[in-house]
């Protein structure tokens, strides 16, 4: 299995690709010191969209699984040496998966110790057959890693200037919301939430999302004994502009909309439509060498 990704020394450019039922989106990012340079981005339709977009990229590629391809669980960290954590977690989650654990590809990554309670880890598990089927069309395109939506959002969040003091980053995709809370490049909380279809126009739906966000912020503050988060950033999506405005009225924090043009340097300015199309691919392309996961 190619999961997890082991970044090669000297790599400075990386592509992210998101494949769905409509086609594919791609972003290619080159790191130049602290600068993030977006070399190429685009979306294409059809079954061969990924190969069309990546044909001349010649860089390592990170692909993003769809939410129904995997399960993510927060479990107590086993009291074993670090190299044995993934194997011990595999045994611990065997009854929590909706497929046989023997058929699973499993990854784990740590979160900081809580002020109270036991240490926890996130476990991400996917059927090996599903991952292999997903990867097959990407063979020959430089595929180096398979990632998940939540960690693509995390990659965007830790690249934000607000991350130094703490930021909650929310991506709306269809009926799902993907939330991360991070501070100083450390992710503390990851969760999914249901998003009503009318969230962008219904104040009651926006109020429910605001409530869920506030609960997550309160959990972060109390369980990790941390200073309150003051910034909530919404990643580009069709509903994000109007939802950000309504959340700003509901919450006692700064709510803003992420403009990818302020995050990366590009040959030209990205339109809002392009940002919505490519935000996840960009998050995948930002996957860095500091990820501390193990595979089993």
C-alpha atoms as a PDB file:
ATOM      1  CA  UNK A   1       0.000   0.000   0.000  1.00  0.00           C
ATOM      2  CA  UNK A   2       1.101   3.570  -0.666  1.00  0.00           C
ATOM      3  CA  UNK A   3      -0.626   4.886   2.423  1.00  0.00           C
ATOM      4  CA  UNK A   4       0.994   6.731   4.249  1.00  0.00           C
ATOM      5  CA  UNK A   5       3.030   8.959   1.978  1.00  0.00           C
ATOM      6  CA  UNK A   6       6.783   9.140   2.545  1.00  0.00           C
ATOM      7  CA  UNK A   7       7.948  12.414   1.051  1.00  0.00           C
ATOM      8  CA  UNK A   8      11.243  12.232  -0.826  1.00  0.00           C
ATOM      9  CA  UNK A   9      14.048  14.601   0.103  1.00  0.00           C
ATOM     10  CA  UNK A  10      14.312  17.502  -2.310  1.00  0.00           C
ATOM     11  CA  UNK A  11      10.691  17.465  -3.493  1.00  0.00           C
ATOM     12  CA  UNK A  12       9.454  21.041  -3.714  1.00  0.00           C
ATOM     13  CA  UNK A  13       6.350  20.625  -5.878  1.00  0.00           C
ATOM     14  CA  UNK A  14       3.324  18.441  -5.358  1.00  0.00           C
ATOM     15  CA  UNK A  15      -0.051  17.941  -7.008  1.00  0.00           C
ATOM     16  CA  UNK A  16      -3.381  17.307  -5.359  1.00  0.00           C
ATOM     17  CA  UNK A  17      -6.199  15.611  -7.259  1.00  0.00           C
ATOM     18  CA  UNK A  18      -9.852  15.139  -6.361  1.00  0.00           C
ATOM     19  CA  UNK A  19     -11.799  12.630  -8.465  1.00  0.00           C
ATOM     20  CA  UNK A  20     -15.592  12.486  -8.271  1.00  0.00           C
ATOM     21  CA  UNK A  21     -18.514  11.330 -10.394  1.00  0.00           C
ATOM     22  CA  UNK A  22     -18.289  14.464 -12.541  1.00  0.00           C
ATOM     23  CA  UNK A  23     -14.565  14.475 -13.333  1.00  0.00           C
ATOM     24  CA  UNK A  24     -11.460  15.702 -11.531  1.00  0.00           C
ATOM     25  CA  UNK A  25      -9.869  18.820 -10.072  1.00  0.00           C
ATOM     26  CA  UNK A  26      -6.122  19.373  -9.798  1.00  0.00           C
ATOM     27  CA  UNK A  27      -3.802  21.868  -8.123  1.00  0.00           C
ATOM     28  CA  UNK A  28       0.008  21.871  -8.331  1.00  0.00           C
ATOM     29  CA  UNK A  29       1.851  23.751  -5.587  1.00  0.00           C
ATOM     30  CA  UNK A  30       5.549  24.501  -5.282  1.00  0.00           C
ATOM     31  CA  UNK A  31       7.041  25.504  -1.930  1.00  0.00           C
ATOM     32  CA  UNK A  32       9.701  28.203  -2.076  1.00  0.00           C
ATOM     33  CA  UNK A  33      10.747  28.792   1.501  1.00  0.00           C
ATOM     34  CA  UNK A  34       7.631  30.083   3.227  1.00  0.00           C
ATOM     35  CA  UNK A  35       5.987  30.957  -0.088  1.00  0.00           C
ATOM     36  CA  UNK A  36       3.327  28.744  -1.643  1.00  0.00           C
ATOM     37  CA  UNK A  37       3.325  29.058  -5.422  1.00  0.00           C
ATOM     38  CA  UNK A  38       0.362  27.654  -7.332  1.00  0.00           C
ATOM     39  CA  UNK A  39       1.842  26.514 -10.645  1.00  0.00           C
ATOM     40  CA  UNK A  40      -1.281  25.013 -12.189  1.00  0.00           C
ATOM     41  CA  UNK A  41      -4.919  24.373 -11.378  1.00  0.00           C
ATOM     42  CA  UNK A  42      -8.005  23.258 -13.238  1.00  0.00           C
ATOM     43  CA  UNK A  43     -11.034  21.039 -13.471  1.00  0.00           C
ATOM     44  CA  UNK A  44     -12.110  18.722 -16.276  1.00  0.00           C
ATOM     45  CA  UNK A  45     -15.080  16.446 -16.872  1.00  0.00           C
ATOM     46  CA  UNK A  46     -15.183  12.802 -17.887  1.00  0.00           C
ATOM     47  CA  UNK A  47     -13.562   9.529 -16.808  1.00  0.00           C
ATOM     48  CA  UNK A  48     -10.107  10.536 -18.108  1.00  0.00           C
ATOM     49  CA  UNK A  49     -10.127  13.981 -16.491  1.00  0.00           C
ATOM     50  CA  UNK A  50      -7.332  13.232 -14.013  1.00  0.00           C
ATOM     51  CA  UNK A  51      -4.953  11.982 -16.697  1.00  0.00           C
ATOM     52  CA  UNK A  52      -5.743  15.016 -18.871  1.00  0.00           C
ATOM     53  CA  UNK A  53      -4.960  17.415 -16.038  1.00  0.00           C
ATOM     54  CA  UNK A  54      -1.871  15.606 -14.728  1.00  0.00           C
ATOM     55  CA  UNK A  55      -0.355  14.467 -18.013  1.00  0.00           C
ATOM     56  CA  UNK A  56       2.603  16.883 -17.896  1.00  0.00           C
ATOM     57  CA  UNK A  57       2.787  17.536 -14.151  1.00  0.00           C
ATOM     58  CA  UNK A  58       5.830  15.295 -13.438  1.00  0.00           C
ATOM     59  CA  UNK A  59       5.427  15.754  -9.668  1.00  0.00           C
ATOM     60  CA  UNK A  60       4.259  13.541  -6.789  1.00  0.00           C
ATOM     61  CA  UNK A  61       0.466  13.318  -6.666  1.00  0.00           C
ATOM     62  CA  UNK A  62      -1.773  13.182  -3.573  1.00  0.00           C
ATOM     63  CA  UNK A  63      -5.302  11.909  -4.246  1.00  0.00           C
ATOM     64  CA  UNK A  64      -8.290  12.540  -1.977  1.00  0.00           C
ATOM     65  CA  UNK A  65     -10.739   9.820  -0.981  1.00  0.00           C
ATOM     66  CA  UNK A  66     -14.448  10.599  -0.987  1.00  0.00           C
ATOM     67  CA  UNK A  67     -16.198  10.524   2.439  1.00  0.00           C
ATOM     68  CA  UNK A  68     -17.973   7.222   1.769  1.00  0.00           C
ATOM     69  CA  UNK A  69     -14.631   5.520   1.086  1.00  0.00           C
ATOM     70  CA  UNK A  70     -13.372   5.575   4.677  1.00  0.00           C
ATOM     71  CA  UNK A  71     -14.199   5.798   8.376  1.00  0.00           C
ATOM     72  CA  UNK A  72     -12.497   8.094  10.870  1.00  0.00           C
ATOM     73  CA  UNK A  73     -12.652   7.281  14.576  1.00  0.00           C
ATOM     74  CA  UNK A  74     -11.331   8.974  17.709  1.00  0.00           C
ATOM     75  CA  UNK A  75     -10.086   6.290  20.091  1.00  0.00           C
ATOM     76  CA  UNK A  76      -7.989   6.042  23.227  1.00  0.00           C
ATOM     77  CA  UNK A  77      -4.296   5.767  22.458  1.00  0.00           C
ATOM     78  CA  UNK A  78      -3.003   2.312  23.418  1.00  0.00           C
ATOM     79  CA  UNK A  79      -0.274   2.254  26.045  1.00  0.00           C
ATOM     80  CA  UNK A  80       2.361   0.766  23.743  1.00  0.00           C
ATOM     81  CA  UNK A  81       5.581   2.077  22.151  1.00  0.00           C
ATOM     82  CA  UNK A  82       5.046   4.496  19.259  1.00  0.00           C
ATOM     83  CA  UNK A  83       5.929   1.999  16.488  1.00  0.00           C
ATOM     84  CA  UNK A  84       3.212  -0.358  17.773  1.00  0.00           C
ATOM     85  CA  UNK A  85       0.361   2.158  18.070  1.00  0.00           C
ATOM     86  CA  UNK A  86      -1.162   1.532  14.636  1.00  0.00           C
ATOM     87  CA  UNK A  87      -1.258  -2.239  15.104  1.00  0.00           C
ATOM     88  CA  UNK A  88      -2.781  -1.870  18.575  1.00  0.00           C
ATOM     89  CA  UNK A  89      -5.404   0.568  17.291  1.00  0.00           C
ATOM     90  CA  UNK A  90      -6.325  -1.884  14.526  1.00  0.00           C
ATOM     91  CA  UNK A  91      -7.242  -4.419  17.208  1.00  0.00           C
ATOM     92  CA  UNK A  92      -9.117  -1.772  19.222  1.00  0.00           C
ATOM     93  CA  UNK A  93     -11.361  -0.604  16.360  1.00  0.00           C
ATOM     94  CA  UNK A  94     -12.178  -4.040  14.967  1.00  0.00           C
ATOM     95  CA  UNK A  95     -15.780  -3.903  16.234  1.00  0.00           C
ATOM     96  CA  UNK A  96     -16.333  -0.262  15.248  1.00  0.00           C
ATOM     97  CA  UNK A  97     -15.777  -0.634  11.508  1.00  0.00           C
ATOM     98  CA  UNK A  98     -18.544  -1.396   9.039  1.00  0.00           C
ATOM     99  CA  UNK A  99     -16.265  -3.811   7.192  1.00  0.00           C
ATOM    100  CA  UNK A 100     -13.891  -6.589   8.395  1.00  0.00           C
ATOM    101  CA  UNK A 101     -10.763  -5.209  10.026  1.00  0.00           C
ATOM    102  CA  UNK A 102      -8.640  -7.800   8.196  1.00  0.00           C
ATOM    103  CA  UNK A 103      -9.600  -6.049   4.951  1.00  0.00           C
ATOM    104  CA  UNK A 104      -8.684  -2.580   6.218  1.00  0.00           C
ATOM    105  CA  UNK A 105      -5.894  -0.198   5.392  1.00  0.00           C
ATOM    106  CA  UNK A 106      -5.492   1.786   8.607  1.00  0.00           C
ATOM    107  CA  UNK A 107      -3.678   4.991   9.469  1.00  0.00           C
ATOM    108  CA  UNK A 108      -3.394   6.751  12.835  1.00  0.00           C
ATOM    109  CA  UNK A 109      -2.308  10.216  13.865  1.00  0.00           C
ATOM    110  CA  UNK A 110      -1.909  11.755  17.295  1.00  0.00           C
ATOM    111  CA  UNK A 111      -3.642  14.728  18.822  1.00  0.00           C
ATOM    112  CA  UNK A 112      -2.216  16.595  21.831  1.00  0.00           C
ATOM    113  CA  UNK A 113      -2.769  15.192  25.294  1.00  0.00           C
ATOM    114  CA  UNK A 114      -5.903  16.530  26.960  1.00  0.00           C
ATOM    115  CA  UNK A 115      -5.742  18.533  30.157  1.00  0.00           C
ATOM    116  CA  UNK A 116      -8.025  15.882  31.634  1.00  0.00           C
ATOM    117  CA  UNK A 117      -8.539  12.312  30.523  1.00  0.00           C
ATOM    118  CA  UNK A 118      -6.601   9.825  28.433  1.00  0.00           C
ATOM    119  CA  UNK A 119      -4.526  10.482  25.331  1.00  0.00           C
ATOM    120  CA  UNK A 120      -6.422   9.957  22.112  1.00  0.00           C
ATOM    121  CA  UNK A 121      -5.607   9.226  18.479  1.00  0.00           C
ATOM    122  CA  UNK A 122      -7.571   9.491  15.266  1.00  0.00           C
ATOM    123  CA  UNK A 123      -7.788   6.292  13.242  1.00  0.00           C
ATOM    124  CA  UNK A 124      -8.645   6.356   9.546  1.00  0.00           C
ATOM    125  CA  UNK A 125      -9.632   3.042   8.001  1.00  0.00           C
ATOM    126  CA  UNK A 126     -10.669   2.087   4.488  1.00  0.00           C
ATOM    127  CA  UNK A 127     -11.231  -1.256   2.757  1.00  0.00           C
ATOM    128  CA  UNK A 128      -8.094  -2.200   0.848  1.00  0.00           C
ATOM    129  CA  UNK A 129     -10.211  -3.160  -2.160  1.00  0.00           C
ATOM    130  CA  UNK A 130     -11.918   0.245  -2.199  1.00  0.00           C
ATOM    131  CA  UNK A 131      -8.591   2.092  -2.012  1.00  0.00           C
ATOM    132  CA  UNK A 132      -7.101  -0.101  -4.756  1.00  0.00           C
ATOM    133  CA  UNK A 133     -10.125   0.518  -6.984  1.00  0.00           C
ATOM    134  CA  UNK A 134      -9.847   4.247  -6.340  1.00  0.00           C
ATOM    135  CA  UNK A 135      -6.130   4.308  -7.153  1.00  0.00           C
ATOM    136  CA  UNK A 136      -6.296   2.199 -10.316  1.00  0.00           C
ATOM    137  CA  UNK A 137      -7.231   5.038 -12.731  1.00  0.00           C
ATOM    138  CA  UNK A 138      -4.366   7.099 -11.281  1.00  0.00           C
ATOM    139  CA  UNK A 139      -1.674   4.506 -11.992  1.00  0.00           C
ATOM    140  CA  UNK A 140       1.135   5.989 -14.028  1.00  0.00           C
ATOM    141  CA  UNK A 141       0.335   9.561 -12.989  1.00  0.00           C
ATOM    142  CA  UNK A 142       2.862   9.799 -10.156  1.00  0.00           C
ATOM    143  CA  UNK A 143       0.502   8.798  -7.351  1.00  0.00           C
ATOM    144  CA  UNK A 144       2.440   9.063  -4.081  1.00  0.00           C
ATOM    145  CA  UNK A 145      -0.250   9.259  -1.402  1.00  0.00           C
ATOM    146  CA  UNK A 146      -3.924   8.886  -0.625  1.00  0.00           C
ATOM    147  CA  UNK A 147      -5.430  11.367   1.824  1.00  0.00           C
ATOM    148  CA  UNK A 148      -8.809  12.289   3.290  1.00  0.00           C
ATOM    149  CA  UNK A 149     -10.887  15.461   3.114  1.00  0.00           C
ATOM    150  CA  UNK A 150     -10.476  16.321   6.793  1.00  0.00           C
ATOM    151  CA  UNK A 151      -6.689  16.420   6.550  1.00  0.00           C
ATOM    152  CA  UNK A 152      -6.825  18.487   3.364  1.00  0.00           C
ATOM    153  CA  UNK A 153      -8.820  21.037   5.367  1.00  0.00           C
ATOM    154  CA  UNK A 154      -6.184  20.776   8.081  1.00  0.00           C
ATOM    155  CA  UNK A 155      -3.478  21.573   5.506  1.00  0.00           C
ATOM    156  CA  UNK A 156      -5.337  24.711   4.474  1.00  0.00           C
ATOM    157  CA  UNK A 157      -5.886  25.733   8.094  1.00  0.00           C
ATOM    158  CA  UNK A 158      -2.259  25.494   9.198  1.00  0.00           C
ATOM    159  CA  UNK A 159      -1.204  27.603   6.204  1.00  0.00           C
ATOM    160  CA  UNK A 160      -3.399  30.484   7.390  1.00  0.00           C
ATOM    161  CA  UNK A 161      -1.882  33.397   9.334  1.00  0.00           C
ATOM    162  CA  UNK A 162      -4.644  32.947  11.941  1.00  0.00           C
ATOM    163  CA  UNK A 163      -3.287  29.474  12.770  1.00  0.00           C
ATOM    164  CA  UNK A 164      -0.538  30.973  14.940  1.00  0.00           C
ATOM    165  CA  UNK A 165      -3.114  31.915  17.568  1.00  0.00           C
ATOM    166  CA  UNK A 166      -5.691  29.276  16.672  1.00  0.00           C
ATOM    167  CA  UNK A 167      -8.271  28.874  13.934  1.00  0.00           C
ATOM    168  CA  UNK A 168     -11.343  26.809  13.145  1.00  0.00           C
ATOM    169  CA  UNK A 169     -11.566  26.023   9.429  1.00  0.00           C
ATOM    170  CA  UNK A 170     -14.822  24.756   7.912  1.00  0.00           C
ATOM    171  CA  UNK A 171     -15.338  23.346   4.428  1.00  0.00           C
ATOM    172  CA  UNK A 172     -18.886  22.780   3.181  1.00  0.00           C
ATOM    173  CA  UNK A 173     -19.186  20.037   0.559  1.00  0.00           C
ATOM    174  CA  UNK A 174     -22.712  19.034  -0.363  1.00  0.00           C
ATOM    175  CA  UNK A 175     -24.550  18.037   2.798  1.00  0.00           C
ATOM    176  CA  UNK A 176     -21.329  17.621   4.791  1.00  0.00           C
ATOM    177  CA  UNK A 177     -19.279  20.068   6.790  1.00  0.00           C
ATOM    178  CA  UNK A 178     -15.636  19.243   7.552  1.00  0.00           C
ATOM    179  CA  UNK A 179     -14.206  21.120  10.529  1.00  0.00           C
ATOM    180  CA  UNK A 180     -10.695  21.320  11.933  1.00  0.00           C
ATOM    181  CA  UNK A 181      -9.441  23.272  14.924  1.00  0.00           C
ATOM    182  CA  UNK A 182      -5.707  23.937  14.970  1.00  0.00           C
ATOM    183  CA  UNK A 183      -3.181  26.142  16.693  1.00  0.00           C
ATOM    184  CA  UNK A 184       0.450  26.677  15.734  1.00  0.00           C
ATOM    185  CA  UNK A 185       0.353  23.867  13.118  1.00  0.00           C
ATOM    186  CA  UNK A 186      -1.066  21.349  15.587  1.00  0.00           C
ATOM    187  CA  UNK A 187      -4.504  19.899  14.886  1.00  0.00           C
ATOM    188  CA  UNK A 188      -6.600  19.395  18.015  1.00  0.00           C
ATOM    189  CA  UNK A 189     -10.029  18.497  16.714  1.00  0.00           C
ATOM    190  CA  UNK A 190     -11.480  17.093  13.502  1.00  0.00           C
ATOM    191  CA  UNK A 191     -15.138  16.403  12.919  1.00  0.00           C
ATOM    192  CA  UNK A 192     -17.854  16.087  10.333  1.00  0.00           C
ATOM    193  CA  UNK A 193     -21.248  17.728  10.655  1.00  0.00           C
ATOM    194  CA  UNK A 194     -24.451  17.540   8.672  1.00  0.00           C
ATOM    195  CA  UNK A 195     -25.256  20.692   6.698  1.00  0.00           C
ATOM    196  CA  UNK A 196     -28.865  21.358   5.617  1.00  0.00           C
ATOM    197  CA  UNK A 197     -29.347  22.099   1.923  1.00  0.00           C
ATOM    198  CA  UNK A 198     -30.811  25.502   2.790  1.00  0.00           C
ATOM    199  CA  UNK A 199     -27.907  26.505   5.043  1.00  0.00           C
ATOM    200  CA  UNK A 200     -26.893  29.355   2.735  1.00  0.00           C
ATOM    201  CA  UNK A 201     -30.329  30.979   2.794  1.00  0.00           C
ATOM    202  CA  UNK A 202     -32.095  29.719   5.923  1.00  0.00           C
ATOM    203  CA  UNK A 203     -31.220  31.611   9.142  1.00  0.00           C
ATOM    204  CA  UNK A 204     -32.486  28.686  11.244  1.00  0.00           C
ATOM    205  CA  UNK A 205     -30.120  26.288   9.480  1.00  0.00           C
ATOM    206  CA  UNK A 206     -27.252  28.749   9.892  1.00  0.00           C
ATOM    207  CA  UNK A 207     -28.071  29.006  13.599  1.00  0.00           C
ATOM    208  CA  UNK A 208     -27.789  25.228  13.911  1.00  0.00           C
ATOM    209  CA  UNK A 209     -24.375  25.265  12.247  1.00  0.00           C
ATOM    210  CA  UNK A 210     -23.306  28.113  14.540  1.00  0.00           C
ATOM    211  CA  UNK A 211     -24.384  26.032  17.530  1.00  0.00           C
ATOM    212  CA  UNK A 212     -22.356  23.035  16.353  1.00  0.00           C
ATOM    213  CA  UNK A 213     -19.327  25.239  15.747  1.00  0.00           C
ATOM    214  CA  UNK A 214     -19.610  26.786  19.200  1.00  0.00           C
ATOM    215  CA  UNK A 215     -19.852  23.352  20.813  1.00  0.00           C
ATOM    216  CA  UNK A 216     -16.644  22.346  19.058  1.00  0.00           C
ATOM    217  CA  UNK A 217     -14.882  25.532  20.150  1.00  0.00           C
ATOM    218  CA  UNK A 218     -16.039  25.007  23.734  1.00  0.00           C
ATOM    219  CA  UNK A 219     -14.817  21.392  23.655  1.00  0.00           C
ATOM    220  CA  UNK A 220     -11.402  22.500  22.421  1.00  0.00           C
ATOM    221  CA  UNK A 221     -11.103  25.139  25.122  1.00  0.00           C
ATOM    222  CA  UNK A 222     -12.219  22.942  28.021  1.00  0.00           C
ATOM    223  CA  UNK A 223     -10.639  19.593  27.124  1.00  0.00           C
ATOM    224  CA  UNK A 224      -7.259  21.012  26.141  1.00  0.00           C
ATOM    225  CA  UNK A 225      -7.185  23.894  28.630  1.00  0.00           C
ATOM    226  CA  UNK A 226      -6.518  26.305  25.751  1.00  0.00           C
ATOM    227  CA  UNK A 227      -7.222  29.956  25.132  1.00  0.00           C
ATOM    228  CA  UNK A 228     -10.433  30.521  23.171  1.00  0.00           C
ATOM    229  CA  UNK A 229     -10.356  30.420  19.387  1.00  0.00           C
ATOM    230  CA  UNK A 230     -11.217  33.827  17.937  1.00  0.00           C
ATOM    231  CA  UNK A 231     -11.246  33.055  14.206  1.00  0.00           C
ATOM    232  CA  UNK A 232     -13.549  30.849  12.139  1.00  0.00           C
ATOM    233  CA  UNK A 233     -12.623  30.637   8.455  1.00  0.00           C
ATOM    234  CA  UNK A 234     -14.871  29.151   5.783  1.00  0.00           C
ATOM    235  CA  UNK A 235     -13.148  27.529   2.823  1.00  0.00           C
ATOM    236  CA  UNK A 236     -14.467  28.457  -0.633  1.00  0.00           C
ATOM    237  CA  UNK A 237     -17.775  26.832  -1.591  1.00  0.00           C
ATOM    238  CA  UNK A 238     -20.938  27.986  -3.305  1.00  0.00           C
ATOM    239  CA  UNK A 239     -22.676  28.491   0.039  1.00  0.00           C
ATOM    240  CA  UNK A 240     -19.704  29.929   1.945  1.00  0.00           C
ATOM    241  CA  UNK A 241     -20.164  33.691   1.287  1.00  0.00           C
ATOM    242  CA  UNK A 242     -23.757  33.913   2.501  1.00  0.00           C
ATOM    243  CA  UNK A 243     -23.194  31.373   5.286  1.00  0.00           C
ATOM    244  CA  UNK A 244     -20.150  33.296   6.552  1.00  0.00           C
ATOM    245  CA  UNK A 245     -22.248  36.457   6.754  1.00  0.00           C
ATOM    246  CA  UNK A 246     -24.972  34.712   8.779  1.00  0.00           C
ATOM    247  CA  UNK A 247     -22.490  32.962  11.075  1.00  0.00           C
ATOM    248  CA  UNK A 248     -20.812  36.299  11.710  1.00  0.00           C
ATOM    249  CA  UNK A 249     -24.092  37.594  13.106  1.00  0.00           C
ATOM    250  CA  UNK A 250     -24.643  34.471  15.222  1.00  0.00           C
ATOM    251  CA  UNK A 251     -21.208  33.983  16.773  1.00  0.00           C
ATOM    252  CA  UNK A 252     -18.985  36.085  19.038  1.00  0.00           C
ATOM    253  CA  UNK A 253     -15.878  35.304  16.969  1.00  0.00           C
ATOM    254  CA  UNK A 254     -14.382  36.626  13.749  1.00  0.00           C
ATOM    255  CA  UNK A 255     -15.956  34.758  10.825  1.00  0.00           C
ATOM    256  CA  UNK A 256     -14.281  35.205   7.453  1.00  0.00           C
ATOM    257  CA  UNK A 257     -14.169  33.667   4.001  1.00  0.00           C
ATOM    258  CA  UNK A 258     -10.898  32.163   2.812  1.00  0.00           C
ATOM    259  CA  UNK A 259      -9.632  33.734  -0.402  1.00  0.00           C
ATOM    260  CA  UNK A 260      -7.123  31.341  -1.948  1.00  0.00           C
ATOM    261  CA  UNK A 261      -5.518  34.262  -3.776  1.00  0.00           C
ATOM    262  CA  UNK A 262      -4.263  35.465  -0.385  1.00  0.00           C
ATOM    263  CA  UNK A 263      -2.922  32.014   0.516  1.00  0.00           C
ATOM    264  CA  UNK A 264      -0.909  31.205  -2.607  1.00  0.00           C
ATOM    265  CA  UNK A 265       0.946  33.071  -5.329  1.00  0.00           C
ATOM    266  CA  UNK A 266      -0.409  32.305  -8.802  1.00  0.00           C
ATOM    267  CA  UNK A 267       0.172  33.485 -12.386  1.00  0.00           C
ATOM    268  CA  UNK A 268      -3.257  35.106 -12.290  1.00  0.00           C
ATOM    269  CA  UNK A 269      -6.056  35.575  -9.789  1.00  0.00           C
ATOM    270  CA  UNK A 270      -8.345  32.598  -9.246  1.00  0.00           C
ATOM    271  CA  UNK A 271     -12.039  33.223  -9.787  1.00  0.00           C
ATOM    272  CA  UNK A 272     -14.483  32.199  -7.062  1.00  0.00           C
ATOM    273  CA  UNK A 273     -15.693  29.327  -9.265  1.00  0.00           C
ATOM    274  CA  UNK A 274     -12.124  28.078  -9.664  1.00  0.00           C
ATOM    275  CA  UNK A 275     -11.553  28.336  -5.923  1.00  0.00           C
ATOM    276  CA  UNK A 276     -14.660  26.255  -5.230  1.00  0.00           C
ATOM    277  CA  UNK A 277     -13.565  23.674  -7.807  1.00  0.00           C
ATOM    278  CA  UNK A 278      -9.955  23.368  -6.645  1.00  0.00           C
ATOM    279  CA  UNK A 279      -9.901  24.086  -2.894  1.00  0.00           C
ATOM    280  CA  UNK A 280      -9.704  20.414  -1.882  1.00  0.00           C
ATOM    281  CA  UNK A 281      -7.082  19.662  -4.522  1.00  0.00           C
ATOM    282  CA  UNK A 282      -5.060  22.580  -3.174  1.00  0.00           C
ATOM    283  CA  UNK A 283      -5.410  21.224   0.359  1.00  0.00           C
ATOM    284  CA  UNK A 284      -4.091  17.869  -0.841  1.00  0.00           C
ATOM    285  CA  UNK A 285      -1.173  19.523  -2.633  1.00  0.00           C
ATOM    286  CA  UNK A 286      -0.232  21.246   0.642  1.00  0.00           C
ATOM    287  CA  UNK A 287       0.307  17.952   2.431  1.00  0.00           C
ATOM    288  CA  UNK A 288       3.698  18.383   4.054  1.00  0.00           C
ATOM    289  CA  UNK A 289       6.487  16.248   5.483  1.00  0.00           C
ATOM    290  CA  UNK A 290       5.526  17.025   9.110  1.00  0.00           C
ATOM    291  CA  UNK A 291       2.583  14.637   9.239  1.00  0.00           C
ATOM    292  CA  UNK A 292       3.033  12.149  12.073  1.00  0.00           C
ATOM    293  CA  UNK A 293       0.928   9.189  11.064  1.00  0.00           C
ATOM    294  CA  UNK A 294       1.606   5.491  11.096  1.00  0.00           C
ATOM    295  CA  UNK A 295       0.128   2.749   8.969  1.00  0.00           C
ATOM    296  CA  UNK A 296      -0.859  -0.789   9.793  1.00  0.00           C
END
